[in-house]
Amino acid sequence: MPAKQSPFGAPGFGQLSPQLDAINIQLLRALQEDPSASTAALARTIGMSAPAVTERLARLREAHVLLGIQVQLDPKALGLPIAAYIRVRPGPGLLPKVADLARATPEVVECHRITGEDCFLMKVHAAAVEDLERVIDGFLAFAQTTTSIVQSSPVPPRPLPLPLLD
């Protein structure tokens, strides 16, 4: 899958890992297209032997370029139709407690330390608004929160763009 062209021009890239040569980018692109592809299928796709692909994948993992391959599940199919983003502003000295609580809360599927007035941005999935309220209330002992419920996702999760190398 070729990199999508942004309406603002080609995406800019900073310093690339030394592991990212044209063949490895082609390999990663093939993995993004079909994360369940076998090593043999990946080898056929990029025109290499299976052992060479295995070695390249191992080096990409060792270099922390390839962090893993994840399964994407539909939260609605799992009975979690409510998605929300919660901005969290901890009280003085309570930042570690908020981070610990986020790690311990299964409904929190992402938590990012951010700049600005708030310190954290969390993505949460819940079965009902009452469950979302329970999650939010858990953080209120340590922080102020601002919650936005997701109505729709015009850009669903997608793979990271890969650079185009000659």
C-alpha atoms as a PDB file:
ATOM      1  CA  MET A   1       0.000   0.000   0.000  1.00  0.00           C
ATOM      2  CA  PRO A   2       1.681   3.247  -1.043  1.00  0.00           C
ATOM      3  CA  ALA A   3       1.765   6.069   1.472  1.00  0.00           C
ATOM      4  CA  LYS A   4      -1.299   8.281   1.232  1.00  0.00           C
ATOM      5  CA  GLN A   5      -0.598  11.776   0.027  1.00  0.00           C
ATOM      6  CA  SER A   6      -1.738  14.394   2.517  1.00  0.00           C
ATOM      7  CA  PRO A   7      -3.665  17.395   1.198  1.00  0.00           C
ATOM      8  CA  PHE A   8      -0.869  19.387   2.835  1.00  0.00           C
ATOM      9  CA  GLY A   9       1.956  17.635   0.972  1.00  0.00           C
ATOM     10  CA  ALA A  10       4.073  14.622   1.798  1.00  0.00           C
ATOM     11  CA  PRO A  11       4.382  13.866   5.511  1.00  0.00           C
ATOM     12  CA  GLY A  12       7.634  15.092   6.989  1.00  0.00           C
ATOM     13  CA  PHE A  13       9.822  12.635   8.843  1.00  0.00           C
ATOM     14  CA  GLY A  14      12.526  13.319  11.408  1.00  0.00           C
ATOM     15  CA  GLN A  15      15.551  11.122  11.979  1.00  0.00           C
ATOM     16  CA  LEU A  16      14.740   7.592  10.840  1.00  0.00           C
ATOM     17  CA  SER A  17      16.083   4.493  12.567  1.00  0.00           C
ATOM     18  CA  PRO A  18      19.149   3.130  10.784  1.00  0.00           C
ATOM     19  CA  GLN A  19      17.143  -0.113  10.369  1.00  0.00           C
ATOM     20  CA  LEU A  20      14.710   1.602   7.997  1.00  0.00           C
ATOM     21  CA  ASP A  21      16.127   0.868   4.583  1.00  0.00           C
ATOM     22  CA  ALA A  22      13.884   0.595   1.516  1.00  0.00           C
ATOM     23  CA  ILE A  23      13.431  -3.182   1.937  1.00  0.00           C
ATOM     24  CA  ASN A  24      12.454  -2.923   5.609  1.00  0.00           C
ATOM     25  CA  ILE A  25       9.976  -0.160   4.802  1.00  0.00           C
ATOM     26  CA  GLN A  26       8.498  -2.407   2.114  1.00  0.00           C
ATOM     27  CA  LEU A  27       8.340  -5.227   4.689  1.00  0.00           C
ATOM     28  CA  LEU A  28       6.624  -3.000   7.267  1.00  0.00           C
ATOM     29  CA  ARG A  29       4.146  -1.786   4.650  1.00  0.00           C
ATOM     30  CA  ALA A  30       3.296  -5.425   3.811  1.00  0.00           C
ATOM     31  CA  LEU A  31       2.800  -6.135   7.534  1.00  0.00           C
ATOM     32  CA  GLN A  32       0.526  -3.109   7.870  1.00  0.00           C
ATOM     33  CA  GLU A  33      -1.591  -4.388   4.979  1.00  0.00           C
ATOM     34  CA  ASP A  34      -1.857  -7.885   6.476  1.00  0.00           C
ATOM     35  CA  PRO A  35      -0.649  -8.191  10.073  1.00  0.00           C
ATOM     36  CA  SER A  36      -1.487 -11.906  10.104  1.00  0.00           C
ATOM     37  CA  ALA A  37       0.629 -12.693   7.039  1.00  0.00           C
ATOM     38  CA  SER A  38       3.034 -15.577   7.461  1.00  0.00           C
ATOM     39  CA  THR A  39       6.755 -15.077   7.046  1.00  0.00           C
ATOM     40  CA  ALA A  40       6.544 -17.022   3.767  1.00  0.00           C
ATOM     41  CA  ALA A  41       3.779 -14.729   2.480  1.00  0.00           C
ATOM     42  CA  LEU A  42       5.746 -11.637   3.478  1.00  0.00           C
ATOM     43  CA  ALA A  43       8.809 -13.080   1.741  1.00  0.00           C
ATOM     44  CA  ARG A  44       6.831 -13.595  -1.488  1.00  0.00           C
ATOM     45  CA  THR A  45       5.405 -10.076  -1.262  1.00  0.00           C
ATOM     46  CA  ILE A  46       8.800  -8.396  -1.027  1.00  0.00           C
ATOM     47  CA  GLY A  47      10.747 -10.898  -3.129  1.00  0.00           C
ATOM     48  CA  MET A  48      13.046 -12.339  -0.454  1.00  0.00           C
ATOM     49  CA  SER A  49      13.562 -15.701   1.193  1.00  0.00           C
ATOM     50  CA  ALA A  50      11.629 -16.538   4.359  1.00  0.00           C
ATOM     51  CA  PRO A  51      14.837 -16.795   6.467  1.00  0.00           C
ATOM     52  CA  ALA A  52      15.918 -13.330   5.279  1.00  0.00           C
ATOM     53  CA  VAL A  53      12.523 -11.892   6.235  1.00  0.00           C
ATOM     54  CA  THR A  54      12.691 -13.627   9.632  1.00  0.00           C
ATOM     55  CA  GLU A  55      16.116 -12.057  10.241  1.00  0.00           C
ATOM     56  CA  ARG A  56      14.915  -8.614   9.170  1.00  0.00           C
ATOM     57  CA  LEU A  57      11.864  -8.836  11.445  1.00  0.00           C
ATOM     58  CA  ALA A  58      14.091  -9.878  14.355  1.00  0.00           C
ATOM     59  CA  ARG A  59      16.388  -6.891  13.755  1.00  0.00           C
ATOM     60  CA  LEU A  60      13.399  -4.537  13.537  1.00  0.00           C
ATOM     61  CA  ARG A  61      12.161  -5.882  16.887  1.00  0.00           C
ATOM     62  CA  GLU A  62      15.614  -5.586  18.492  1.00  0.00           C
ATOM     63  CA  ALA A  63      15.860  -1.979  17.264  1.00  0.00           C
ATOM     64  CA  HIS A  64      12.381  -1.244  18.726  1.00  0.00           C
ATOM     65  CA  VAL A  65      11.058  -0.267  15.308  1.00  0.00           C
ATOM     66  CA  LEU A  66       8.556  -3.126  15.291  1.00  0.00           C
ATOM     67  CA  LEU A  67       6.988  -3.102  18.749  1.00  0.00           C
ATOM     68  CA  GLY A  68       4.495  -5.877  18.147  1.00  0.00           C
ATOM     69  CA  ILE A  69       1.461  -6.827  16.133  1.00  0.00           C
ATOM     70  CA  GLN A  70      -1.901  -6.068  17.686  1.00  0.00           C
ATOM     71  CA  VAL A  71      -5.387  -7.380  17.159  1.00  0.00           C
ATOM     72  CA  GLN A  72      -8.011  -4.662  16.721  1.00  0.00           C
ATOM     73  CA  LEU A  73     -11.331  -5.508  18.317  1.00  0.00           C
ATOM     74  CA  ASP A  74     -14.633  -3.678  17.897  1.00  0.00           C
ATOM     75  CA  PRO A  75     -15.497  -2.277  21.352  1.00  0.00           C
ATOM     76  CA  LYS A  76     -19.221  -2.347  20.491  1.00  0.00           C
ATOM     77  CA  ALA A  77     -19.034  -6.085  19.775  1.00  0.00           C
ATOM     78  CA  LEU A  78     -17.520  -6.511  23.254  1.00  0.00           C
ATOM     79  CA  GLY A  79     -20.391  -4.597  24.870  1.00  0.00           C
ATOM     80  CA  LEU A  80     -18.419  -1.346  25.249  1.00  0.00           C
ATOM     81  CA  PRO A  81     -20.248   1.101  22.949  1.00  0.00           C
ATOM     82  CA  ILE A  82     -19.278   4.268  24.849  1.00  0.00           C
ATOM     83  CA  ALA A  83     -15.903   5.768  23.940  1.00  0.00           C
ATOM     84  CA  ALA A  84     -14.692   8.933  25.610  1.00  0.00           C
ATOM     85  CA  TYR A  85     -11.603  11.058  26.036  1.00  0.00           C
ATOM     86  CA  ILE A  86     -10.913  12.376  29.505  1.00  0.00           C
ATOM     87  CA  ARG A  87      -8.542  15.257  30.106  1.00  0.00           C
ATOM     88  CA  VAL A  88      -7.111  15.101  33.614  1.00  0.00           C
ATOM     89  CA  ARG A  89      -5.552  17.887  35.679  1.00  0.00           C
ATOM     90  CA  PRO A  90      -4.087  16.385  38.879  1.00  0.00           C
ATOM     91  CA  GLY A  91      -3.931  18.328  42.120  1.00  0.00           C
ATOM     92  CA  PRO A  92      -0.505  19.389  43.424  1.00  0.00           C
ATOM     93  CA  GLY A  93       1.730  16.376  44.029  1.00  0.00           C
ATOM     94  CA  LEU A  94      -0.900  13.901  42.798  1.00  0.00           C
ATOM     95  CA  LEU A  95       0.400  13.270  39.287  1.00  0.00           C
ATOM     96  CA  PRO A  96       1.870   9.813  40.162  1.00  0.00           C
ATOM     97  CA  LYS A  97      -1.406   8.744  41.804  1.00  0.00           C
ATOM     98  CA  VAL A  98      -3.356   9.621  38.655  1.00  0.00           C
ATOM     99  CA  ALA A  99      -0.893   7.677  36.480  1.00  0.00           C
ATOM    100  CA  ASP A 100      -1.134   4.666  38.825  1.00  0.00           C
ATOM    101  CA  LEU A 101      -4.941   4.791  38.818  1.00  0.00           C
ATOM    102  CA  ALA A 102      -5.016   5.006  35.009  1.00  0.00           C
ATOM    103  CA  ARG A 103      -2.794   1.908  34.787  1.00  0.00           C
ATOM    104  CA  ALA A 104      -5.078   0.060  37.230  1.00  0.00           C
ATOM    105  CA  THR A 105      -8.347   0.987  35.465  1.00  0.00           C
ATOM    106  CA  PRO A 106      -9.204  -1.552  32.728  1.00  0.00           C
ATOM    107  CA  GLU A 107     -11.563   0.856  30.951  1.00  0.00           C
ATOM    108  CA  VAL A 108      -8.584   3.161  30.268  1.00  0.00           C
ATOM    109  CA  VAL A 109      -7.158   1.869  26.974  1.00  0.00           C
ATOM    110  CA  GLU A 110      -4.751   4.774  26.391  1.00  0.00           C
ATOM    111  CA  CYS A 111      -3.205   7.348  28.679  1.00  0.00           C
ATOM    112  CA  HIS A 112      -0.851  10.049  27.466  1.00  0.00           C
ATOM    113  CA  ARG A 113       1.109  12.683  29.388  1.00  0.00           C
ATOM    114  CA  ILE A 114       0.410  15.942  27.548  1.00  0.00           C
ATOM    115  CA  THR A 115       1.344  19.601  27.578  1.00  0.00           C
ATOM    116  CA  GLY A 116      -1.057  22.452  28.272  1.00  0.00           C
ATOM    117  CA  GLU A 117      -3.427  23.057  31.145  1.00  0.00           C
ATOM    118  CA  ASP A 118      -4.091  19.344  31.637  1.00  0.00           C
ATOM    119  CA  CYS A 119      -1.466  16.687  32.331  1.00  0.00           C
ATOM    120  CA  PHE A 120      -3.093  13.540  30.942  1.00  0.00           C
ATOM    121  CA  LEU A 121      -5.345  12.570  28.071  1.00  0.00           C
ATOM    122  CA  MET A 122      -7.027   9.191  28.448  1.00  0.00           C
ATOM    123  CA  LYS A 123      -9.186   7.169  26.103  1.00  0.00           C
ATOM    124  CA  VAL A 124     -11.842   5.111  27.855  1.00  0.00           C
ATOM    125  CA  HIS A 125     -14.349   2.479  26.702  1.00  0.00           C
ATOM    126  CA  ALA A 126     -17.444   1.766  28.794  1.00  0.00           C
ATOM    127  CA  ALA A 127     -20.641  -0.265  28.598  1.00  0.00           C
ATOM    128  CA  ALA A 128     -22.887   2.627  29.643  1.00  0.00           C
ATOM    129  CA  VAL A 129     -22.747   6.251  30.702  1.00  0.00           C
ATOM    130  CA  GLU A 130     -23.090   5.092  34.317  1.00  0.00           C
ATOM    131  CA  ASP A 131     -19.895   3.062  33.925  1.00  0.00           C
ATOM    132  CA  LEU A 132     -18.129   6.056  32.409  1.00  0.00           C
ATOM    133  CA  GLU A 133     -19.303   8.136  35.366  1.00  0.00           C
ATOM    134  CA  ARG A 134     -17.834   5.561  37.777  1.00  0.00           C
ATOM    135  CA  VAL A 135     -14.464   5.766  35.996  1.00  0.00           C
ATOM    136  CA  ILE A 136     -14.493   9.577  36.060  1.00  0.00           C
ATOM    137  CA  ASP A 137     -15.494   9.621  39.735  1.00  0.00           C
ATOM    138  CA  GLY A 138     -12.478   7.445  40.542  1.00  0.00           C
ATOM    139  CA  PHE A 139     -10.163  10.198  39.332  1.00  0.00           C
ATOM    140  CA  LEU A 140     -11.955  13.056  41.111  1.00  0.00           C
ATOM    141  CA  ALA A 141     -10.180  12.333  44.423  1.00  0.00           C
ATOM    142  CA  PHE A 142      -6.902  13.292  42.725  1.00  0.00           C
ATOM    143  CA  ALA A 143      -7.762  15.573  39.823  1.00  0.00           C
ATOM    144  CA  GLN A 144     -10.155  17.719  37.854  1.00  0.00           C
ATOM    145  CA  THR A 145     -11.495  16.073  34.715  1.00  0.00           C
ATOM    146  CA  THR A 146     -13.040  17.178  31.445  1.00  0.00           C
ATOM    147  CA  THR A 147     -14.763  14.474  29.421  1.00  0.00           C
ATOM    148  CA  SER A 148     -15.748  14.331  25.759  1.00  0.00           C
ATOM    149  CA  ILE A 149     -17.857  11.414  24.533  1.00  0.00           C
ATOM    150  CA  VAL A 150     -17.036  10.215  21.021  1.00  0.00           C
ATOM    151  CA  GLN A 151     -20.025  10.538  18.676  1.00  0.00           C
ATOM    152  CA  SER A 152     -18.319   9.081  15.589  1.00  0.00           C
ATOM    153  CA  SER A 153     -14.829   8.482  14.232  1.00  0.00           C
ATOM    154  CA  PRO A 154     -14.395   9.831  10.695  1.00  0.00           C
ATOM    155  CA  VAL A 155     -10.753   8.688  10.834  1.00  0.00           C
ATOM    156  CA  PRO A 156     -10.592   5.308  12.569  1.00  0.00           C
ATOM    157  CA  PRO A 157      -7.265   3.996  13.888  1.00  0.00           C
ATOM    158  CA  ARG A 158      -4.891   3.431  11.009  1.00  0.00           C
ATOM    159  CA  PRO A 159      -1.263   2.492  10.507  1.00  0.00           C
ATOM    160  CA  LEU A 160       1.449   5.087  10.843  1.00  0.00           C
ATOM    161  CA  PRO A 161       2.602   6.581   7.551  1.00  0.00           C
ATOM    162  CA  LEU A 162       5.831   5.118   6.269  1.00  0.00           C
ATOM    163  CA  PRO A 163       8.445   7.158   4.431  1.00  0.00           C
ATOM    164  CA  LEU A 164       8.909   6.715   0.708  1.00  0.00           C
ATOM    165  CA  LEU A 165      12.518   5.728   0.054  1.00  0.00           C
ATOM    166  CA  ASP A 166      14.099   5.133  -3.333  1.00  0.00           C
END
